Amino acid sequence: MNFLLGQKVVNKTDWEPVENQDEFGVELSWGKRSWPIQIATDILGSYKEDRDAGIKGKTSEFGIGIRKIWGNGHVHPYLGGGAGFVYGNAELNFSGIIVKESDTSAGAWAGGGVFWRLGPRFNLGLAARYSQAKVTLFDSDLEAGGYHGGLILGWGWPATK
């Protein structure tokens, strides 16, 4: 299980001025040790607020798919992809009058990275991902997926010797 801390960049045309969002997430890879690939179950959330413009933007993603993790020693590169379910939300503040809208849509994701096993269980690394899904907010179709990048901090099992 790896925690992600980084940035999500959504389409500038759709989300400006909140297109560069702080992101937190979890990538969970599971399955039998004998399987050549693992099941990927990922949850990510991103958020950005521009108080001067009176705009808040956020997205959440749930991804299910497959992930291949290589390496028997301390270095573990990985690639994966699958289906995604993306939630997009925008809040506009017009001099104290707040208007909110949200939508959910299906899409897809692909990603990869590399992590180092430090000690018997602790993981440290880098991850990158691309997701795609359209949501409708305020009568406009917006791309709620985007480019993700961040630091991995995780916990692995079984423990290495």
N, C-alpha and C. Protein backbone atom coordinates (compact mmCIF):
# COMPACT_ATOMS: atom_id res chain seq x y z
N MET A 1 0.86 -1.17 0.00
CA MET A 1 0.00 0.00 0.00
C MET A 1 0.90 1.23 0.00
N ASN A 2 0.72 2.06 -1.02
CA ASN A 2 1.53 3.27 -1.15
C ASN A 2 0.65 4.50 -1.09
N PHE A 3 1.05 5.46 -0.29
CA PHE A 3 0.39 6.75 -0.21
C PHE A 3 1.08 7.70 -1.18
N LEU A 4 0.29 8.52 -1.87
CA LEU A 4 0.82 9.48 -2.83
C LEU A 4 0.57 10.89 -2.33
N LEU A 5 1.56 11.72 -2.46
CA LEU A 5 1.44 13.13 -2.11
C LEU A 5 2.06 13.92 -3.25
N GLY A 6 1.23 14.73 -3.94
CA GLY A 6 1.77 15.44 -5.09
C GLY A 6 0.81 16.44 -5.69
N GLN A 7 0.81 16.50 -7.02
CA GLN A 7 0.02 17.47 -7.77
C GLN A 7 -0.78 16.76 -8.85
N LYS A 8 -1.95 17.32 -9.14
CA LYS A 8 -2.74 16.93 -10.30
C LYS A 8 -2.92 18.18 -11.14
N VAL A 9 -2.65 18.06 -12.43
CA VAL A 9 -2.83 19.18 -13.35
C VAL A 9 -3.99 18.83 -14.27
N VAL A 10 -5.09 19.56 -14.13
CA VAL A 10 -6.25 19.37 -14.99
C VAL A 10 -6.21 20.40 -16.11
N ASN A 11 -7.07 20.24 -17.10
CA ASN A 11 -7.09 21.10 -18.28
C ASN A 11 -7.24 22.57 -17.89
N LYS A 12 -6.27 23.39 -18.28
CA LYS A 12 -6.27 24.82 -17.92
C LYS A 12 -7.49 25.54 -18.49
N THR A 13 -7.86 25.23 -19.72
CA THR A 13 -9.02 25.87 -20.34
C THR A 13 -10.29 25.61 -19.54
N ASP A 14 -10.41 24.40 -18.99
CA ASP A 14 -11.61 24.02 -18.23
C ASP A 14 -11.61 24.52 -16.79
N TRP A 15 -10.44 24.57 -16.14
CA TRP A 15 -10.39 24.75 -14.69
C TRP A 15 -9.67 26.01 -14.22
N GLU A 16 -9.11 26.82 -15.09
CA GLU A 16 -8.36 28.00 -14.66
C GLU A 16 -9.22 28.88 -13.75
N PRO A 17 -8.73 29.35 -12.63
CA PRO A 17 -7.36 29.39 -12.12
C PRO A 17 -7.03 28.28 -11.12
N VAL A 18 -7.82 27.21 -11.08
CA VAL A 18 -7.57 26.14 -10.10
C VAL A 18 -7.13 24.85 -10.80
N GLU A 19 -6.35 24.98 -11.88
CA GLU A 19 -5.96 23.81 -12.66
C GLU A 19 -4.80 23.03 -12.04
N ASN A 20 -3.99 23.63 -11.19
CA ASN A 20 -2.89 22.93 -10.51
C ASN A 20 -3.33 22.63 -9.08
N GLN A 21 -3.72 21.38 -8.85
CA GLN A 21 -4.33 21.01 -7.58
C GLN A 21 -3.41 20.14 -6.74
N ASP A 22 -3.42 20.38 -5.42
CA ASP A 22 -2.70 19.50 -4.50
C ASP A 22 -3.45 18.18 -4.44
N GLU A 23 -2.69 17.08 -4.36
CA GLU A 23 -3.34 15.77 -4.42
C GLU A 23 -2.79 14.84 -3.35
N PHE A 24 -3.68 14.00 -2.84
CA PHE A 24 -3.34 12.93 -1.91
C PHE A 24 -4.05 11.68 -2.39
N GLY A 25 -3.40 10.53 -2.28
CA GLY A 25 -4.06 9.31 -2.73
C GLY A 25 -3.43 8.07 -2.14
N VAL A 26 -4.05 6.94 -2.48
CA VAL A 26 -3.57 5.63 -2.05
C VAL A 26 -3.60 4.71 -3.26
N GLU A 27 -2.49 4.03 -3.52
CA GLU A 27 -2.42 2.97 -4.52
C GLU A 27 -2.28 1.65 -3.78
N LEU A 28 -3.25 0.77 -3.98
CA LEU A 28 -3.23 -0.53 -3.33
C LEU A 28 -3.14 -1.61 -4.40
N SER A 29 -2.11 -2.43 -4.31
CA SER A 29 -1.92 -3.55 -5.25
C SER A 29 -2.04 -4.83 -4.45
N TRP A 30 -2.89 -5.73 -4.93
CA TRP A 30 -3.13 -6.95 -4.16
C TRP A 30 -3.37 -8.14 -5.08
N GLY A 31 -3.15 -9.31 -4.53
CA GLY A 31 -3.34 -10.56 -5.25
C GLY A 31 -2.40 -11.61 -4.69
N LYS A 32 -2.49 -12.81 -5.23
CA LYS A 32 -1.61 -13.88 -4.79
C LYS A 32 -0.19 -13.62 -5.28
N ARG A 33 0.74 -14.03 -4.50
CA ARG A 33 2.15 -13.83 -4.85
C ARG A 33 2.50 -14.52 -6.17
N SER A 34 1.84 -15.61 -6.49
CA SER A 34 2.12 -16.37 -7.71
C SER A 34 1.53 -15.72 -8.97
N TRP A 35 0.65 -14.74 -8.82
CA TRP A 35 0.05 -14.09 -9.99
C TRP A 35 1.09 -13.24 -10.72
N PRO A 36 1.05 -13.21 -12.05
CA PRO A 36 2.01 -12.38 -12.79
C PRO A 36 1.68 -10.88 -12.71
N ILE A 37 0.43 -10.56 -12.45
CA ILE A 37 0.01 -9.16 -12.28
C ILE A 37 -0.83 -9.07 -11.01
N GLN A 38 -0.98 -7.85 -10.51
CA GLN A 38 -1.77 -7.61 -9.31
C GLN A 38 -3.04 -6.83 -9.67
N ILE A 39 -4.01 -6.88 -8.80
CA ILE A 39 -5.21 -6.06 -8.93
C ILE A 39 -4.86 -4.69 -8.36
N ALA A 40 -5.20 -3.64 -9.09
CA ALA A 40 -4.95 -2.26 -8.64
C ALA A 40 -6.26 -1.65 -8.16
N THR A 41 -6.24 -1.10 -6.97
CA THR A 41 -7.39 -0.39 -6.40
C THR A 41 -6.85 0.92 -5.85
N ASP A 42 -7.20 2.03 -6.50
CA ASP A 42 -6.61 3.32 -6.17
C ASP A 42 -7.68 4.36 -5.85
N ILE A 43 -7.39 5.22 -4.90
CA ILE A 43 -8.27 6.33 -4.55
C ILE A 43 -7.40 7.59 -4.48
N LEU A 44 -7.84 8.65 -5.18
CA LEU A 44 -7.09 9.91 -5.19
C LEU A 44 -8.06 11.08 -5.05
N GLY A 45 -7.59 12.13 -4.40
CA GLY A 45 -8.38 13.34 -4.27
C GLY A 45 -7.50 14.56 -4.47
N SER A 46 -8.03 15.57 -5.17
CA SER A 46 -7.25 16.79 -5.41
C SER A 46 -8.12 18.01 -5.13
N TYR A 47 -7.45 19.13 -4.80
CA TYR A 47 -8.18 20.33 -4.39
C TYR A 47 -7.33 21.57 -4.64
N LYS A 48 -8.01 22.64 -5.04
CA LYS A 48 -7.34 23.94 -5.17
C LYS A 48 -8.39 25.03 -4.96
N GLU A 49 -8.00 26.07 -4.24
CA GLU A 49 -8.87 27.22 -4.02
C GLU A 49 -8.12 28.49 -4.41
N ASP A 50 -8.80 29.37 -5.14
CA ASP A 50 -8.29 30.70 -5.45
C ASP A 50 -9.25 31.69 -4.81
N ARG A 51 -8.88 32.17 -3.64
CA ARG A 51 -9.77 33.07 -2.88
C ARG A 51 -10.01 34.39 -3.60
N ASP A 52 -8.99 34.91 -4.27
CA ASP A 52 -9.16 36.17 -5.00
C ASP A 52 -10.21 36.05 -6.10
N ALA A 53 -10.22 34.91 -6.79
CA ALA A 53 -11.19 34.70 -7.87
C ALA A 53 -12.51 34.14 -7.36
N GLY A 54 -12.53 33.66 -6.10
CA GLY A 54 -13.75 33.08 -5.54
C GLY A 54 -14.11 31.73 -6.14
N ILE A 55 -13.08 30.91 -6.40
CA ILE A 55 -13.31 29.61 -7.05
C ILE A 55 -12.62 28.51 -6.26
N LYS A 56 -13.34 27.39 -6.06
CA LYS A 56 -12.76 26.17 -5.51
C LYS A 56 -13.00 25.06 -6.53
N GLY A 57 -11.99 24.25 -6.74
CA GLY A 57 -12.13 23.10 -7.63
C GLY A 57 -11.57 21.87 -6.96
N LYS A 58 -12.27 20.76 -7.12
CA LYS A 58 -11.74 19.51 -6.57
C LYS A 58 -12.20 18.34 -7.40
N THR A 59 -11.40 17.28 -7.36
CA THR A 59 -11.74 16.03 -8.02
C THR A 59 -11.42 14.88 -7.08
N SER A 60 -12.11 13.79 -7.29
CA SER A 60 -11.82 12.53 -6.61
C SER A 60 -11.85 11.44 -7.66
N GLU A 61 -10.98 10.46 -7.51
CA GLU A 61 -10.93 9.36 -8.47
C GLU A 61 -10.85 8.03 -7.74
N PHE A 62 -11.60 7.07 -8.26
CA PHE A 62 -11.50 5.68 -7.83
C PHE A 62 -11.11 4.88 -9.06
N GLY A 63 -9.98 4.21 -8.98
CA GLY A 63 -9.50 3.43 -10.12
C GLY A 63 -9.43 1.96 -9.77
N ILE A 64 -9.85 1.13 -10.70
CA ILE A 64 -9.72 -0.31 -10.56
C ILE A 64 -9.08 -0.82 -11.84
N GLY A 65 -8.13 -1.73 -11.71
CA GLY A 65 -7.44 -2.21 -12.91
C GLY A 65 -6.41 -3.25 -12.56
N ILE A 66 -5.33 -3.24 -13.34
CA ILE A 66 -4.24 -4.18 -13.11
C ILE A 66 -2.93 -3.41 -12.98
N ARG A 67 -1.99 -4.02 -12.27
CA ARG A 67 -0.68 -3.39 -12.08
C ARG A 67 0.38 -4.49 -12.08
N LYS A 68 1.44 -4.26 -12.83
CA LYS A 68 2.59 -5.16 -12.84
C LYS A 68 3.72 -4.48 -12.08
N ILE A 69 4.23 -5.15 -11.07
CA ILE A 69 5.34 -4.65 -10.27
C ILE A 69 6.53 -5.58 -10.49
N TRP A 70 7.65 -5.02 -10.92
CA TRP A 70 8.86 -5.80 -11.16
C TRP A 70 9.83 -5.62 -10.00
N GLY A 71 10.84 -6.48 -9.98
CA GLY A 71 11.92 -6.33 -9.01
C GLY A 71 11.82 -7.30 -7.87
N ASN A 72 12.93 -7.90 -7.53
CA ASN A 72 13.00 -8.81 -6.39
C ASN A 72 13.85 -8.25 -5.27
N GLY A 73 14.60 -7.20 -5.55
CA GLY A 73 15.46 -6.61 -4.54
C GLY A 73 14.80 -5.39 -3.92
N HIS A 74 15.54 -4.30 -3.91
CA HIS A 74 15.03 -3.08 -3.29
C HIS A 74 14.34 -2.14 -4.26
N VAL A 75 14.60 -2.27 -5.57
CA VAL A 75 14.03 -1.36 -6.57
C VAL A 75 12.86 -2.04 -7.27
N HIS A 76 11.71 -1.34 -7.32
CA HIS A 76 10.49 -1.92 -7.88
C HIS A 76 9.81 -0.96 -8.84
N PRO A 77 10.10 -1.02 -10.15
CA PRO A 77 9.33 -0.24 -11.12
C PRO A 77 7.97 -0.90 -11.33
N TYR A 78 6.97 -0.10 -11.73
CA TYR A 78 5.64 -0.66 -11.96
C TYR A 78 4.88 0.13 -13.02
N LEU A 79 3.93 -0.56 -13.68
CA LEU A 79 3.01 0.04 -14.65
C LEU A 79 1.62 -0.53 -14.41
N GLY A 80 0.61 0.26 -14.71
CA GLY A 80 -0.75 -0.23 -14.56
C GLY A 80 -1.75 0.60 -15.33
N GLY A 81 -2.98 0.15 -15.33
CA GLY A 81 -4.04 0.89 -15.98
C GLY A 81 -5.38 0.22 -15.73
N GLY A 82 -6.45 0.95 -16.06
CA GLY A 82 -7.77 0.38 -15.88
C GLY A 82 -8.87 1.41 -16.01
N ALA A 83 -9.99 1.07 -15.42
CA ALA A 83 -11.17 1.94 -15.45
C ALA A 83 -11.13 2.90 -14.27
N GLY A 84 -11.69 4.06 -14.48
CA GLY A 84 -11.74 5.06 -13.41
C GLY A 84 -13.12 5.65 -13.28
N PHE A 85 -13.46 6.02 -12.08
CA PHE A 85 -14.70 6.73 -11.80
C PHE A 85 -14.29 8.05 -11.17
N VAL A 86 -14.63 9.14 -11.83
CA VAL A 86 -14.11 10.46 -11.46
C VAL A 86 -15.26 11.38 -11.05
N TYR A 87 -15.04 12.07 -9.93
CA TYR A 87 -15.98 13.06 -9.40
C TYR A 87 -15.33 14.43 -9.56
N GLY A 88 -16.07 15.37 -10.09
CA GLY A 88 -15.58 16.74 -10.21
C GLY A 88 -16.54 17.69 -9.51
N ASN A 89 -15.98 18.71 -8.85
CA ASN A 89 -16.79 19.67 -8.10
C ASN A 89 -16.19 21.06 -8.28
N ALA A 90 -17.07 22.02 -8.50
CA ALA A 90 -16.64 23.42 -8.57
C ALA A 90 -17.57 24.25 -7.70
N GLU A 91 -16.99 25.21 -7.00
CA GLU A 91 -17.74 26.13 -6.15
C GLU A 91 -17.33 27.55 -6.52
N LEU A 92 -18.33 28.36 -6.83
CA LEU A 92 -18.09 29.76 -7.20
C LEU A 92 -18.71 30.65 -6.14
N ASN A 93 -17.96 31.68 -5.72
CA ASN A 93 -18.42 32.61 -4.70
C ASN A 93 -18.54 33.99 -5.34
N PHE A 94 -19.78 34.42 -5.53
CA PHE A 94 -20.06 35.75 -6.10
C PHE A 94 -20.47 36.69 -4.97
N SER A 95 -19.50 37.34 -4.34
CA SER A 95 -19.76 38.30 -3.26
C SER A 95 -20.67 37.72 -2.18
N GLY A 96 -20.37 36.50 -1.76
CA GLY A 96 -21.13 35.86 -0.69
C GLY A 96 -22.22 34.93 -1.17
N ILE A 97 -22.57 34.98 -2.43
CA ILE A 97 -23.54 34.03 -2.99
C ILE A 97 -22.75 32.87 -3.57
N ILE A 98 -22.92 31.70 -2.96
CA ILE A 98 -22.13 30.53 -3.32
C ILE A 98 -22.96 29.60 -4.21
N VAL A 99 -22.36 29.22 -5.33
CA VAL A 99 -22.99 28.30 -6.27
C VAL A 99 -22.07 27.09 -6.41
N LYS A 100 -22.62 25.88 -6.19
CA LYS A 100 -21.84 24.65 -6.27
C LYS A 100 -22.46 23.72 -7.30
N GLU A 101 -21.60 22.94 -7.93
CA GLU A 101 -22.10 21.90 -8.82
C GLU A 101 -21.08 20.78 -8.87
N SER A 102 -21.58 19.54 -9.01
CA SER A 102 -20.70 18.38 -9.08
C SER A 102 -21.28 17.36 -10.06
N ASP A 103 -20.42 16.46 -10.50
CA ASP A 103 -20.82 15.41 -11.43
C ASP A 103 -19.83 14.26 -11.29
N THR A 104 -20.27 13.08 -11.69
CA THR A 104 -19.43 11.88 -11.68
C THR A 104 -19.49 11.23 -13.05
N SER A 105 -18.36 10.67 -13.48
CA SER A 105 -18.30 10.07 -14.81
C SER A 105 -17.29 8.92 -14.81
N ALA A 106 -17.49 7.99 -15.73
CA ALA A 106 -16.54 6.89 -15.91
C ALA A 106 -15.47 7.32 -16.90
N GLY A 107 -14.30 6.75 -16.74
CA GLY A 107 -13.19 7.06 -17.63
C GLY A 107 -12.13 5.98 -17.55
N ALA A 108 -10.88 6.37 -17.76
CA ALA A 108 -9.77 5.43 -17.75
C ALA A 108 -8.54 6.08 -17.14
N TRP A 109 -7.59 5.25 -16.73
CA TRP A 109 -6.34 5.75 -16.17
C TRP A 109 -5.19 4.82 -16.60
N ALA A 110 -3.99 5.36 -16.61
CA ALA A 110 -2.76 4.61 -16.82
C ALA A 110 -1.67 5.29 -16.01
N GLY A 111 -0.79 4.50 -15.44
CA GLY A 111 0.25 5.11 -14.63
C GLY A 111 1.40 4.16 -14.34
N GLY A 112 2.39 4.72 -13.70
CA GLY A 112 3.55 3.93 -13.33
C GLY A 112 4.44 4.69 -12.39
N GLY A 113 5.52 4.06 -12.04
CA GLY A 113 6.46 4.70 -11.14
C GLY A 113 7.53 3.73 -10.73
N VAL A 114 8.24 4.11 -9.71
CA VAL A 114 9.28 3.27 -9.14
C VAL A 114 9.34 3.57 -7.65
N PHE A 115 9.48 2.49 -6.86
CA PHE A 115 9.69 2.70 -5.43
C PHE A 115 10.84 1.82 -4.96
N TRP A 116 11.47 2.29 -3.92
CA TRP A 116 12.57 1.58 -3.30
C TRP A 116 12.09 1.06 -1.96
N ARG A 117 12.40 -0.22 -1.69
CA ARG A 117 12.07 -0.81 -0.41
C ARG A 117 13.22 -0.49 0.53
N LEU A 118 12.94 0.31 1.54
CA LEU A 118 13.93 0.71 2.53
C LEU A 118 13.67 -0.10 3.78
N GLY A 119 14.57 -0.98 4.12
CA GLY A 119 14.33 -1.87 5.23
C GLY A 119 13.38 -2.98 4.81
N PRO A 120 12.78 -3.68 5.76
CA PRO A 120 11.94 -4.82 5.40
C PRO A 120 10.57 -4.44 4.84
N ARG A 121 10.04 -3.24 5.11
CA ARG A 121 8.67 -2.92 4.71
C ARG A 121 8.43 -1.53 4.13
N PHE A 122 9.25 -0.55 4.40
CA PHE A 122 8.96 0.83 4.04
C PHE A 122 9.29 1.10 2.57
N ASN A 123 8.37 1.75 1.84
CA ASN A 123 8.57 2.11 0.43
C ASN A 123 8.71 3.62 0.28
N LEU A 124 9.62 4.04 -0.60
CA LEU A 124 9.81 5.45 -0.94
C LEU A 124 10.04 5.52 -2.44
N GLY A 125 9.32 6.42 -3.13
CA GLY A 125 9.50 6.48 -4.58
C GLY A 125 8.76 7.62 -5.24
N LEU A 126 8.58 7.49 -6.56
CA LEU A 126 7.92 8.49 -7.39
C LEU A 126 6.85 7.81 -8.24
N ALA A 127 5.75 8.52 -8.47
CA ALA A 127 4.65 7.99 -9.27
C ALA A 127 4.17 9.03 -10.26
N ALA A 128 3.69 8.56 -11.41
CA ALA A 128 3.08 9.42 -12.42
C ALA A 128 1.86 8.69 -12.97
N ARG A 129 0.88 9.47 -13.41
CA ARG A 129 -0.39 8.88 -13.82
C ARG A 129 -1.10 9.84 -14.76
N TYR A 130 -1.91 9.29 -15.66
CA TYR A 130 -2.79 10.10 -16.49
C TYR A 130 -4.19 9.49 -16.40
N SER A 131 -5.18 10.34 -16.22
CA SER A 131 -6.56 9.87 -16.16
C SER A 131 -7.41 10.73 -17.08
N GLN A 132 -8.53 10.15 -17.50
CA GLN A 132 -9.40 10.87 -18.43
C GLN A 132 -10.85 10.54 -18.11
N ALA A 133 -11.67 11.58 -17.92
CA ALA A 133 -13.11 11.44 -17.71
C ALA A 133 -13.74 12.82 -17.82
N LYS A 134 -14.85 12.91 -18.50
CA LYS A 134 -15.57 14.19 -18.67
C LYS A 134 -16.67 14.29 -17.63
N VAL A 135 -16.79 15.47 -17.00
CA VAL A 135 -17.91 15.77 -16.12
C VAL A 135 -18.61 17.02 -16.66
N THR A 136 -19.86 17.18 -16.29
CA THR A 136 -20.62 18.35 -16.71
C THR A 136 -20.88 19.23 -15.51
N LEU A 137 -20.31 20.44 -15.52
CA LEU A 137 -20.49 21.41 -14.45
C LEU A 137 -20.95 22.72 -15.07
N PHE A 138 -22.02 23.27 -14.54
CA PHE A 138 -22.57 24.55 -15.03
C PHE A 138 -22.78 24.51 -16.55
N ASP A 139 -23.38 23.43 -17.02
CA ASP A 139 -23.72 23.24 -18.44
C ASP A 139 -22.51 23.20 -19.37
N SER A 140 -21.34 22.90 -18.84
CA SER A 140 -20.13 22.76 -19.66
C SER A 140 -19.50 21.40 -19.41
N ASP A 141 -19.07 20.74 -20.48
CA ASP A 141 -18.34 19.48 -20.35
C ASP A 141 -16.87 19.79 -20.07
N LEU A 142 -16.39 19.32 -18.92
CA LEU A 142 -15.02 19.59 -18.48
C LEU A 142 -14.25 18.28 -18.34
N GLU A 143 -12.97 18.32 -18.65
CA GLU A 143 -12.10 17.17 -18.42
C GLU A 143 -11.69 17.18 -16.96
N ALA A 144 -12.15 16.16 -16.21
CA ALA A 144 -11.84 16.08 -14.78
C ALA A 144 -10.63 15.20 -14.49
N GLY A 145 -10.18 14.46 -15.48
CA GLY A 145 -8.94 13.72 -15.34
C GLY A 145 -7.77 14.67 -15.59
N GLY A 146 -6.58 14.13 -15.58
CA GLY A 146 -5.43 14.98 -15.83
C GLY A 146 -4.13 14.24 -15.58
N TYR A 147 -3.07 15.02 -15.46
CA TYR A 147 -1.73 14.49 -15.19
C TYR A 147 -1.48 14.54 -13.69
N HIS A 148 -0.99 13.44 -13.16
CA HIS A 148 -0.71 13.33 -11.73
C HIS A 148 0.78 13.02 -11.56
N GLY A 149 1.37 13.56 -10.52
CA GLY A 149 2.75 13.24 -10.21
C GLY A 149 3.00 13.46 -8.74
N GLY A 150 3.79 12.58 -8.14
CA GLY A 150 4.04 12.78 -6.73
C GLY A 150 5.01 11.81 -6.11
N LEU A 151 5.15 11.97 -4.83
CA LEU A 151 6.03 11.18 -3.99
C LEU A 151 5.25 10.00 -3.42
N ILE A 152 5.89 8.84 -3.38
CA ILE A 152 5.31 7.64 -2.79
C ILE A 152 5.91 7.44 -1.40
N LEU A 153 5.06 7.24 -0.44
CA LEU A 153 5.45 6.79 0.90
C LEU A 153 4.55 5.60 1.21
N GLY A 154 5.14 4.44 1.44
CA GLY A 154 4.28 3.27 1.59
C GLY A 154 4.80 2.21 2.52
N TRP A 155 3.99 1.18 2.56
CA TRP A 155 4.21 0.05 3.43
C TRP A 155 4.01 -1.20 2.58
N GLY A 156 4.99 -2.09 2.54
CA GLY A 156 4.89 -3.27 1.70
C GLY A 156 4.91 -4.56 2.49
N TRP A 157 4.29 -5.56 1.91
CA TRP A 157 4.32 -6.89 2.47
C TRP A 157 4.30 -7.88 1.33
N PRO A 158 4.82 -9.02 1.45
CA PRO A 158 5.49 -9.49 2.66
C PRO A 158 6.81 -8.74 2.86
N ALA A 159 7.25 -8.77 4.08
CA ALA A 159 8.50 -8.08 4.41
C ALA A 159 9.67 -8.75 3.70
N THR A 160 10.62 -7.92 3.25
CA THR A 160 11.84 -8.48 2.66
C THR A 160 12.83 -8.77 3.76
N LYS A 161 13.78 -9.63 3.45
CA LYS A 161 14.78 -10.00 4.46
C LYS A 161 15.97 -9.10 4.39
